[in-house]
Amino acid sequence: MQTNFQSLLCDQGYTPNSYDFESTIIGWSYDIDFALFDSTSPFDFHRSQIIRCWDNPEAYIHTILLVDGDIAGATRLLIDRWYSCLQYDNPVLEIVNVQSSCTQSVVRMLTITNSNAMTLKFTVSNGG
């Protein structure tokens, strides 16, 4: 059973009426772009997508990452980049859930600090 991120956001006081999710979604979109698409990245920049899901508290950002080859290795790199580049400093609550198969990995993340919150979903799969 999946963790209900919307309930956890509400429990921590993050609702659309009390927090500016729109600005945070925009900021995270740029951060993901810079953290995941560089010369060492296995992700195909031209075919991958960062989708802003304005009304989906379970995954305000859904990033579809396409690779040619090793899904498991690409997923490990995603998790490494999360901890080295993307993760909030001093989260009060953070959940990283990885579900993998031979055809794709789905990584769901919730990160909350005293002043910010975000939910994300990354789908890593072969692009061809």
Protein backbone atom coordinates (compact mmCIF):
# COMPACT_ATOMS: atom_id res chain seq x y z
CA MET A 1 0.00 0.00 0.00
CA GLN A 2 1.28 3.45 -0.92
CA THR A 3 1.87 6.10 1.69
CA ASN A 4 -0.72 8.87 1.48
CA PHE A 5 1.46 11.92 0.92
CA GLN A 6 -1.50 14.32 0.90
CA SER A 7 -2.44 13.31 4.45
CA LEU A 8 1.14 13.70 5.64
CA LEU A 9 1.34 17.16 4.07
CA CYS A 10 -1.88 18.18 5.82
CA ASP A 11 -0.69 16.71 9.13
CA GLN A 12 2.38 18.96 8.90
CA GLY A 13 0.26 22.03 8.05
CA TYR A 14 0.91 22.13 4.29
CA THR A 15 -2.32 22.70 2.38
CA PRO A 16 -2.98 24.67 -0.82
CA ASN A 17 -4.62 27.36 1.33
CA SER A 18 -1.65 27.72 3.68
CA TYR A 19 1.39 27.18 1.43
CA ASP A 20 2.54 28.39 -1.99
CA PHE A 21 2.93 25.07 -3.76
CA GLU A 22 2.98 26.75 -7.19
CA SER A 23 6.23 28.62 -6.55
CA THR A 24 7.77 25.56 -4.95
CA ILE A 25 6.80 23.37 -7.91
CA ILE A 26 8.41 25.83 -10.32
CA GLY A 27 11.60 25.99 -8.26
CA TRP A 28 11.85 22.22 -7.98
CA SER A 29 11.37 21.84 -11.74
CA TYR A 30 14.46 23.92 -12.37
CA ASP A 31 16.43 22.16 -9.62
CA ILE A 32 15.61 18.74 -11.10
CA ASP A 33 16.64 19.91 -14.56
CA PHE A 34 20.03 21.11 -13.34
CA ALA A 35 20.67 18.13 -11.05
CA LEU A 36 19.76 15.32 -13.46
CA PHE A 37 20.65 16.47 -16.96
CA ASP A 38 24.38 16.95 -17.35
CA SER A 39 27.15 15.39 -19.42
CA THR A 40 27.51 12.41 -17.03
CA SER A 41 23.79 11.68 -16.83
CA PRO A 42 22.29 8.53 -18.36
CA PHE A 43 18.96 10.31 -18.79
CA ASP A 44 17.98 11.35 -22.30
CA PHE A 45 17.41 15.09 -21.97
CA HIS A 46 15.50 15.37 -25.25
CA ARG A 47 12.96 12.64 -24.47
CA SER A 48 12.62 12.89 -20.70
CA GLN A 49 9.95 15.14 -19.18
CA ILE A 50 9.42 17.16 -16.03
CA ILE A 51 5.67 17.51 -15.57
CA ARG A 52 4.24 20.05 -13.13
CA CYS A 53 1.12 18.51 -11.58
CA TRP A 54 -0.47 21.56 -9.98
CA ASP A 55 -3.44 19.71 -8.49
CA ASN A 56 -1.86 16.38 -7.48
CA PRO A 57 -0.60 16.46 -3.89
CA GLU A 58 0.57 12.85 -4.21
CA ALA A 59 3.15 13.98 -6.80
CA TYR A 60 3.27 17.70 -7.49
CA ILE A 61 6.09 16.93 -9.91
CA HIS A 62 6.25 13.81 -12.07
CA THR A 63 9.54 13.37 -13.86
CA ILE A 64 9.75 10.76 -16.62
CA LEU A 65 13.38 9.80 -17.09
CA LEU A 66 14.22 7.82 -20.21
CA VAL A 67 17.46 5.87 -20.49
CA ASP A 68 19.04 3.64 -23.08
CA GLY A 69 19.98 0.61 -21.05
CA ASP A 70 20.57 0.11 -17.36
CA ILE A 71 17.42 1.10 -15.44
CA ALA A 72 18.83 -0.07 -12.10
CA GLY A 73 22.02 1.97 -12.55
CA ALA A 74 20.04 5.04 -13.61
CA THR A 75 17.80 4.65 -10.55
CA ARG A 76 20.86 4.47 -8.29
CA LEU A 77 22.17 7.67 -9.89
CA LEU A 78 18.80 9.35 -9.32
CA ILE A 79 18.90 8.41 -5.62
CA ASP A 80 22.53 9.59 -5.37
CA ARG A 81 21.61 12.93 -6.95
CA TRP A 82 18.66 13.22 -4.57
CA TYR A 83 20.94 13.02 -1.56
CA SER A 84 23.78 15.07 -3.03
CA CYS A 85 21.92 17.80 -4.95
CA LEU A 86 18.17 17.86 -4.42
CA GLN A 87 17.32 16.89 -0.85
CA TYR A 88 16.25 19.68 1.50
CA ASP A 89 18.68 20.48 4.29
CA ASN A 90 17.34 19.33 7.67
CA PRO A 91 14.08 17.66 6.61
CA VAL A 92 11.66 17.04 9.46
CA LEU A 93 10.01 14.28 7.40
CA GLU A 94 11.31 12.53 4.32
CA ILE A 95 10.09 9.41 2.57
CA VAL A 96 11.83 7.83 -0.41
CA ASN A 97 9.95 4.85 -1.81
CA VAL A 98 11.48 2.85 -4.67
CA GLN A 99 9.57 0.20 -6.61
CA SER A 100 11.54 -1.52 -9.36
CA SER A 101 10.90 -4.09 -12.04
CA CYS A 102 12.87 -5.15 -15.10
CA THR A 103 11.05 -2.55 -17.24
CA GLN A 104 10.96 0.52 -14.96
CA SER A 105 11.56 2.01 -11.56
CA VAL A 106 9.12 4.33 -9.83
CA VAL A 107 10.50 6.51 -7.06
CA ARG A 108 8.04 8.45 -4.92
CA MET A 109 9.38 11.11 -2.56
CA LEU A 110 7.97 13.33 0.12
CA THR A 111 10.19 15.94 1.70
CA ILE A 112 9.13 18.39 4.40
CA THR A 113 11.10 20.98 6.36
CA ASN A 114 9.90 23.55 8.86
CA SER A 115 9.22 25.97 5.99
CA ASN A 116 8.93 23.94 2.75
CA ALA A 117 7.34 20.78 1.39
CA MET A 118 7.20 18.85 -1.89
CA THR A 119 6.01 15.54 -3.30
CA LEU A 120 7.70 14.03 -6.33
CA LYS A 121 7.44 10.99 -8.55
CA PHE A 122 10.21 9.81 -10.84
CA THR A 123 9.61 7.10 -13.43
CA VAL A 124 12.80 5.63 -14.90
CA SER A 125 12.39 3.47 -18.00
CA ASN A 126 13.97 2.58 -21.31
CA GLY A 127 13.30 5.15 -23.98
CA GLY A 128 13.19 2.87 -26.94
